[in-house]
Amino acid sequence: MAWALTSLLLVGTVLDVVFGDGKGAVLTGLATLAAGAFAGHWTLVRPRLAADETGVRIRTLGGAHRFSWTGTIVRLRSTRRLGREGVTLEVERGDQLFIFGQTDLGADPRDVLDVLTAMRDRSAGL
């Protein structure tokens, strides 16, 4: 979807350059760059979180991080803003904290926590 939006914005920018004014072309050009950066980020760092019985792997723009289950804390954080509740999954290891929302995970963070907890328990032999 992000690449489709970027493509549509690019067409709009080109049309604005050819038929419109310069100020509109600048605005649509900036929107195209922003949508393209967003789409590129999502393409490069997918999947953001992967797990198996040995631990978790987290991908960021800075590279991949692999952590064993020992010493890794996984928890949910609920916040309330503007009357809406937001739930995020936090993975903490030492001084590093990674926060994942539903968009990052592709699923409800509560469901992902259940799966991660089951994997951790299996790896510990529980």
N, C-alpha and C. Protein backbone atom coordinates (compact mmCIF):
# COMPACT_ATOMS: atom_id res chain seq x y z
N MET A 1 0.81 -1.19 0.00
CA MET A 1 0.00 0.00 0.00
C MET A 1 0.86 1.26 0.00
N ALA A 2 1.94 1.23 0.76
CA ALA A 2 2.80 2.42 0.83
C ALA A 2 3.46 2.70 -0.51
N TRP A 3 3.85 1.63 -1.22
CA TRP A 3 4.45 1.84 -2.54
C TRP A 3 3.41 2.34 -3.54
N ALA A 4 2.18 1.88 -3.43
CA ALA A 4 1.11 2.36 -4.31
C ALA A 4 0.85 3.84 -4.05
N LEU A 5 0.82 4.22 -2.77
CA LEU A 5 0.62 5.63 -2.42
C LEU A 5 1.78 6.48 -2.95
N THR A 6 2.99 5.98 -2.81
CA THR A 6 4.16 6.71 -3.32
C THR A 6 4.06 6.89 -4.84
N SER A 7 3.63 5.85 -5.53
CA SER A 7 3.47 5.95 -6.99
C SER A 7 2.42 6.98 -7.38
N LEU A 8 1.29 6.95 -6.68
CA LEU A 8 0.24 7.95 -6.97
C LEU A 8 0.72 9.36 -6.68
N LEU A 9 1.44 9.53 -5.60
CA LEU A 9 1.97 10.86 -5.28
C LEU A 9 2.99 11.31 -6.31
N LEU A 10 3.78 10.38 -6.81
CA LEU A 10 4.76 10.72 -7.84
C LEU A 10 4.06 11.18 -9.12
N VAL A 11 3.00 10.49 -9.50
CA VAL A 11 2.22 10.92 -10.67
C VAL A 11 1.65 12.31 -10.43
N GLY A 12 1.13 12.53 -9.22
CA GLY A 12 0.59 13.85 -8.89
C GLY A 12 1.66 14.93 -8.93
N THR A 13 2.85 14.60 -8.48
CA THR A 13 3.95 15.58 -8.51
C THR A 13 4.32 15.93 -9.94
N VAL A 14 4.43 14.91 -10.79
CA VAL A 14 4.77 15.16 -12.20
C VAL A 14 3.69 16.00 -12.86
N LEU A 15 2.43 15.67 -12.62
CA LEU A 15 1.34 16.46 -13.21
C LEU A 15 1.35 17.88 -12.68
N ASP A 16 1.69 18.04 -11.41
CA ASP A 16 1.74 19.38 -10.83
C ASP A 16 2.89 20.19 -11.42
N VAL A 17 4.00 19.54 -11.70
CA VAL A 17 5.13 20.24 -12.34
C VAL A 17 4.74 20.68 -13.75
N VAL A 18 4.07 19.79 -14.50
CA VAL A 18 3.75 20.08 -15.89
C VAL A 18 2.60 21.08 -16.01
N PHE A 19 1.53 20.85 -15.23
CA PHE A 19 0.33 21.66 -15.41
C PHE A 19 0.04 22.63 -14.27
N GLY A 20 0.66 22.46 -13.14
CA GLY A 20 0.31 23.26 -11.97
C GLY A 20 1.33 24.34 -11.67
N ASP A 21 1.31 24.74 -10.40
CA ASP A 21 2.24 25.78 -9.97
C ASP A 21 3.41 25.15 -9.22
N GLY A 22 4.44 25.92 -8.98
CA GLY A 22 5.65 25.42 -8.32
C GLY A 22 5.44 25.07 -6.86
N LYS A 23 4.58 25.83 -6.17
CA LYS A 23 4.35 25.56 -4.74
C LYS A 23 3.65 24.22 -4.54
N GLY A 24 2.70 23.93 -5.38
CA GLY A 24 2.01 22.64 -5.29
C GLY A 24 2.94 21.48 -5.60
N ALA A 25 3.84 21.69 -6.56
CA ALA A 25 4.81 20.65 -6.91
C ALA A 25 5.77 20.38 -5.75
N VAL A 26 6.14 21.42 -5.05
CA VAL A 26 7.02 21.25 -3.89
C VAL A 26 6.31 20.44 -2.81
N LEU A 27 5.07 20.78 -2.53
CA LEU A 27 4.32 20.06 -1.49
C LEU A 27 4.08 18.59 -1.86
N THR A 28 3.67 18.34 -3.08
CA THR A 28 3.46 16.94 -3.49
C THR A 28 4.79 16.19 -3.58
N GLY A 29 5.85 16.90 -3.94
CA GLY A 29 7.17 16.28 -3.97
C GLY A 29 7.62 15.86 -2.57
N LEU A 30 7.40 16.72 -1.58
CA LEU A 30 7.74 16.38 -0.19
C LEU A 30 6.90 15.21 0.31
N ALA A 31 5.62 15.20 -0.05
CA ALA A 31 4.76 14.08 0.35
C ALA A 31 5.23 12.78 -0.31
N THR A 32 5.68 12.88 -1.56
CA THR A 32 6.20 11.70 -2.26
C THR A 32 7.45 11.17 -1.57
N LEU A 33 8.35 12.07 -1.19
CA LEU A 33 9.57 11.65 -0.49
C LEU A 33 9.25 11.00 0.86
N ALA A 34 8.31 11.59 1.59
CA ALA A 34 7.94 11.03 2.89
C ALA A 34 7.33 9.64 2.74
N ALA A 35 6.40 9.49 1.81
CA ALA A 35 5.77 8.19 1.60
C ALA A 35 6.78 7.18 1.08
N GLY A 36 7.70 7.60 0.23
CA GLY A 36 8.75 6.71 -0.28
C GLY A 36 9.70 6.26 0.82
N ALA A 37 10.06 7.18 1.72
CA ALA A 37 10.92 6.81 2.85
C ALA A 37 10.22 5.80 3.76
N PHE A 38 8.95 6.03 4.01
CA PHE A 38 8.15 5.12 4.83
C PHE A 38 8.07 3.74 4.17
N ALA A 39 7.79 3.70 2.89
CA ALA A 39 7.69 2.43 2.17
C ALA A 39 9.04 1.72 2.13
N GLY A 40 10.10 2.47 1.91
CA GLY A 40 11.44 1.88 1.89
C GLY A 40 11.83 1.28 3.23
N HIS A 41 11.51 1.99 4.30
CA HIS A 41 11.79 1.49 5.65
C HIS A 41 11.06 0.18 5.89
N TRP A 42 9.79 0.14 5.55
CA TRP A 42 9.01 -1.09 5.75
C TRP A 42 9.52 -2.23 4.90
N THR A 43 10.02 -1.93 3.72
CA THR A 43 10.54 -2.98 2.85
C THR A 43 11.87 -3.52 3.37
N LEU A 44 12.74 -2.65 3.85
CA LEU A 44 14.08 -3.05 4.26
C LEU A 44 14.12 -3.79 5.59
N VAL A 45 13.25 -3.46 6.52
CA VAL A 45 13.35 -4.04 7.86
C VAL A 45 12.28 -5.08 8.14
N ARG A 46 11.66 -5.64 7.13
CA ARG A 46 10.67 -6.69 7.34
C ARG A 46 11.35 -8.03 7.38
N PRO A 47 10.99 -8.96 8.20
CA PRO A 47 10.13 -8.79 9.35
C PRO A 47 10.89 -8.13 10.49
N ARG A 48 10.23 -7.30 11.25
CA ARG A 48 10.88 -6.58 12.34
C ARG A 48 11.19 -7.50 13.51
N LEU A 49 10.32 -8.47 13.76
CA LEU A 49 10.50 -9.36 14.90
C LEU A 49 10.30 -10.80 14.45
N ALA A 50 11.26 -11.63 14.77
CA ALA A 50 11.15 -13.07 14.49
C ALA A 50 11.62 -13.79 15.74
N ALA A 51 11.05 -14.96 16.00
CA ALA A 51 11.41 -15.70 17.20
C ALA A 51 11.42 -17.19 16.92
N ASP A 52 12.23 -17.89 17.70
CA ASP A 52 12.23 -19.35 17.69
C ASP A 52 12.58 -19.81 19.11
N GLU A 53 12.88 -21.09 19.27
CA GLU A 53 13.14 -21.61 20.61
C GLU A 53 14.44 -21.09 21.20
N THR A 54 15.36 -20.58 20.37
CA THR A 54 16.63 -20.09 20.89
C THR A 54 16.56 -18.62 21.33
N GLY A 55 15.60 -17.86 20.81
CA GLY A 55 15.49 -16.46 21.20
C GLY A 55 14.75 -15.63 20.16
N VAL A 56 15.02 -14.33 20.18
CA VAL A 56 14.35 -13.41 19.27
C VAL A 56 15.38 -12.73 18.38
N ARG A 57 14.93 -12.35 17.18
CA ARG A 57 15.74 -11.57 16.24
C ARG A 57 14.95 -10.34 15.89
N ILE A 58 15.57 -9.18 16.06
CA ILE A 58 14.92 -7.90 15.81
C ILE A 58 15.70 -7.17 14.72
N ARG A 59 14.99 -6.73 13.68
CA ARG A 59 15.63 -6.00 12.59
C ARG A 59 15.29 -4.52 12.71
N THR A 60 16.31 -3.69 12.58
CA THR A 60 16.16 -2.25 12.56
C THR A 60 16.97 -1.72 11.37
N LEU A 61 16.89 -0.45 11.13
CA LEU A 61 17.72 0.13 10.06
C LEU A 61 19.20 0.01 10.38
N GLY A 62 19.53 -0.09 11.67
CA GLY A 62 20.92 -0.23 12.09
C GLY A 62 21.45 -1.65 11.97
N GLY A 63 20.60 -2.60 11.65
CA GLY A 63 21.03 -3.99 11.51
C GLY A 63 20.16 -4.92 12.31
N ALA A 64 20.55 -6.18 12.32
CA ALA A 64 19.78 -7.20 13.04
C ALA A 64 20.40 -7.43 14.42
N HIS A 65 19.54 -7.67 15.38
CA HIS A 65 19.94 -7.96 16.75
C HIS A 65 19.38 -9.32 17.11
N ARG A 66 20.21 -10.19 17.65
CA ARG A 66 19.76 -11.52 18.06
C ARG A 66 19.99 -11.66 19.56
N PHE A 67 18.92 -12.02 20.27
CA PHE A 67 18.99 -12.16 21.72
C PHE A 67 18.46 -13.52 22.13
N SER A 68 19.14 -14.18 23.06
CA SER A 68 18.62 -15.43 23.59
C SER A 68 17.49 -15.09 24.57
N TRP A 69 16.70 -16.07 24.93
CA TRP A 69 15.60 -15.84 25.85
C TRP A 69 16.09 -15.42 27.23
N THR A 70 17.26 -15.93 27.62
CA THR A 70 17.82 -15.59 28.93
C THR A 70 18.17 -14.11 28.98
N GLY A 71 17.60 -13.42 29.92
CA GLY A 71 17.88 -11.99 30.09
C GLY A 71 17.06 -11.07 29.22
N THR A 72 16.19 -11.62 28.40
CA THR A 72 15.33 -10.81 27.53
C THR A 72 13.95 -10.70 28.17
N ILE A 73 13.48 -9.48 28.31
CA ILE A 73 12.17 -9.22 28.91
C ILE A 73 11.20 -8.82 27.81
N VAL A 74 10.07 -9.50 27.77
CA VAL A 74 9.03 -9.20 26.78
C VAL A 74 7.76 -8.88 27.56
N ARG A 75 7.17 -7.70 27.28
CA ARG A 75 5.96 -7.30 28.02
C ARG A 75 5.09 -6.40 27.15
N LEU A 76 3.85 -6.24 27.60
CA LEU A 76 2.90 -5.34 26.94
C LEU A 76 2.87 -4.01 27.68
N ARG A 77 2.65 -2.95 26.93
CA ARG A 77 2.46 -1.63 27.53
C ARG A 77 1.19 -1.04 26.94
N SER A 78 0.28 -0.64 27.81
CA SER A 78 -0.97 -0.01 27.37
C SER A 78 -0.93 1.47 27.70
N THR A 79 -1.31 2.27 26.73
CA THR A 79 -1.39 3.72 26.95
C THR A 79 -2.75 4.19 26.47
N ARG A 80 -3.19 5.28 27.03
CA ARG A 80 -4.48 5.85 26.66
C ARG A 80 -4.25 7.29 26.21
N ARG A 81 -4.58 7.56 24.95
CA ARG A 81 -4.44 8.91 24.40
C ARG A 81 -5.67 9.25 23.59
N LEU A 82 -6.16 10.43 23.84
CA LEU A 82 -7.32 10.93 23.11
C LEU A 82 -8.49 9.95 23.14
N GLY A 83 -8.66 9.28 24.26
CA GLY A 83 -9.78 8.37 24.43
C GLY A 83 -9.59 7.01 23.80
N ARG A 84 -8.42 6.75 23.23
CA ARG A 84 -8.16 5.45 22.60
C ARG A 84 -7.04 4.75 23.35
N GLU A 85 -7.19 3.44 23.49
CA GLU A 85 -6.15 2.66 24.13
C GLU A 85 -5.22 2.09 23.08
N GLY A 86 -3.94 2.27 23.30
CA GLY A 86 -2.94 1.72 22.41
C GLY A 86 -2.11 0.67 23.15
N VAL A 87 -1.90 -0.45 22.52
CA VAL A 87 -1.12 -1.53 23.13
C VAL A 87 0.12 -1.76 22.28
N THR A 88 1.28 -1.78 22.94
CA THR A 88 2.53 -2.06 22.26
C THR A 88 3.24 -3.22 22.95
N LEU A 89 4.08 -3.88 22.20
CA LEU A 89 4.90 -4.97 22.72
C LEU A 89 6.31 -4.41 22.90
N GLU A 90 6.86 -4.59 24.10
CA GLU A 90 8.20 -4.11 24.39
C GLU A 90 9.13 -5.30 24.57
N VAL A 91 10.27 -5.25 23.91
CA VAL A 91 11.32 -6.26 24.09
C VAL A 91 12.53 -5.52 24.63
N GLU A 92 12.97 -5.94 25.81
CA GLU A 92 14.06 -5.25 26.49
C GLU A 92 15.19 -6.23 26.76
N ARG A 93 16.39 -5.79 26.45
CA ARG A 93 17.58 -6.59 26.74
C ARG A 93 18.67 -5.63 27.18
N GLY A 94 19.03 -5.67 28.44
CA GLY A 94 20.04 -4.75 28.97
C GLY A 94 19.55 -3.31 28.87
N ASP A 95 20.30 -2.49 28.19
CA ASP A 95 19.91 -1.09 28.04
C ASP A 95 19.21 -0.82 26.70
N GLN A 96 18.91 -1.87 25.97
CA GLN A 96 18.22 -1.72 24.68
C GLN A 96 16.73 -2.01 24.85
N LEU A 97 15.91 -1.16 24.28
CA LEU A 97 14.45 -1.32 24.32
C LEU A 97 13.91 -1.18 22.91
N PHE A 98 13.13 -2.17 22.49
CA PHE A 98 12.50 -2.16 21.17
C PHE A 98 11.00 -2.18 21.38
N ILE A 99 10.29 -1.29 20.70
CA ILE A 99 8.84 -1.16 20.87
C ILE A 99 8.17 -1.46 19.54
N PHE A 100 7.18 -2.35 19.58
CA PHE A 100 6.46 -2.77 18.38
C PHE A 100 4.98 -2.53 18.54
N GLY A 101 4.37 -1.91 17.57
CA GLY A 101 2.93 -1.73 17.53
C GLY A 101 2.29 -2.77 16.64
N GLN A 102 1.00 -2.67 16.51
CA GLN A 102 0.28 -3.63 15.68
C GLN A 102 0.72 -3.56 14.23
N THR A 103 1.02 -2.38 13.74
CA THR A 103 1.48 -2.24 12.36
C THR A 103 2.83 -2.91 12.15
N ASP A 104 3.73 -2.76 13.11
CA ASP A 104 5.04 -3.39 13.01
C ASP A 104 4.95 -4.91 13.03
N LEU A 105 4.05 -5.44 13.85
CA LEU A 105 3.95 -6.88 14.04
C LEU A 105 3.06 -7.56 13.02
N GLY A 106 2.11 -6.85 12.47
CA GLY A 106 1.15 -7.46 11.56
C GLY A 106 0.09 -8.26 12.28
N ALA A 107 0.03 -8.12 13.60
CA ALA A 107 -0.95 -8.83 14.42
C ALA A 107 -1.12 -8.05 15.72
N ASP A 108 -2.12 -8.43 16.48
CA ASP A 108 -2.35 -7.80 17.77
C ASP A 108 -1.18 -8.12 18.71
N PRO A 109 -0.59 -7.11 19.35
CA PRO A 109 0.54 -7.36 20.25
C PRO A 109 0.21 -8.37 21.36
N ARG A 110 -1.04 -8.43 21.79
CA ARG A 110 -1.43 -9.40 22.83
C ARG A 110 -1.24 -10.83 22.31
N ASP A 111 -1.65 -11.07 21.06
CA ASP A 111 -1.49 -12.39 20.46
C ASP A 111 -0.02 -12.74 20.27
N VAL A 112 0.77 -11.76 19.87
CA VAL A 112 2.20 -11.99 19.68
C VAL A 112 2.86 -12.32 21.01
N LEU A 113 2.47 -11.63 22.08
CA LEU A 113 3.02 -11.94 23.41
C LEU A 113 2.70 -13.38 23.80
N ASP A 114 1.49 -13.84 23.52
CA ASP A 114 1.11 -15.22 23.83
C ASP A 114 2.01 -16.22 23.09
N VAL A 115 2.27 -15.95 21.82
CA VAL A 115 3.13 -16.84 21.03
C VAL A 115 4.56 -16.81 21.56
N LEU A 116 5.07 -15.62 21.86
CA LEU A 116 6.43 -15.51 22.39
C LEU A 116 6.57 -16.21 23.74
N THR A 117 5.57 -16.06 24.59
CA THR A 117 5.60 -16.72 25.89
C THR A 117 5.60 -18.24 25.73
N ALA A 118 4.80 -18.74 24.80
CA ALA A 118 4.78 -20.19 24.55
C ALA A 118 6.14 -20.68 24.03
N MET A 119 6.77 -19.92 23.15
CA MET A 119 8.10 -20.30 22.64
C MET A 119 9.13 -20.29 23.75
N ARG A 120 9.08 -19.26 24.58
CA ARG A 120 10.04 -19.17 25.70
C ARG A 120 9.85 -20.36 26.64
N ASP A 121 8.60 -20.71 26.93
CA ASP A 121 8.32 -21.84 27.81
C ASP A 121 8.81 -23.15 27.21
N ARG A 122 8.61 -23.33 25.90
CA ARG A 122 9.09 -24.54 25.23
C ARG A 122 10.61 -24.64 25.29
N SER A 123 11.28 -23.51 25.11
CA SER A 123 12.75 -23.53 25.13
C SER A 123 13.27 -23.83 26.53
N ALA A 124 12.51 -23.44 27.57
CA ALA A 124 12.92 -23.71 28.95
C ALA A 124 12.50 -25.10 29.40
N GLY A 125 11.73 -25.80 28.57
CA GLY A 125 11.28 -27.14 28.91
C GLY A 125 10.10 -27.15 29.87
N LEU A 126 9.34 -26.07 29.90
CA LEU A 126 8.18 -26.00 30.80
C LEU A 126 6.94 -26.57 30.17
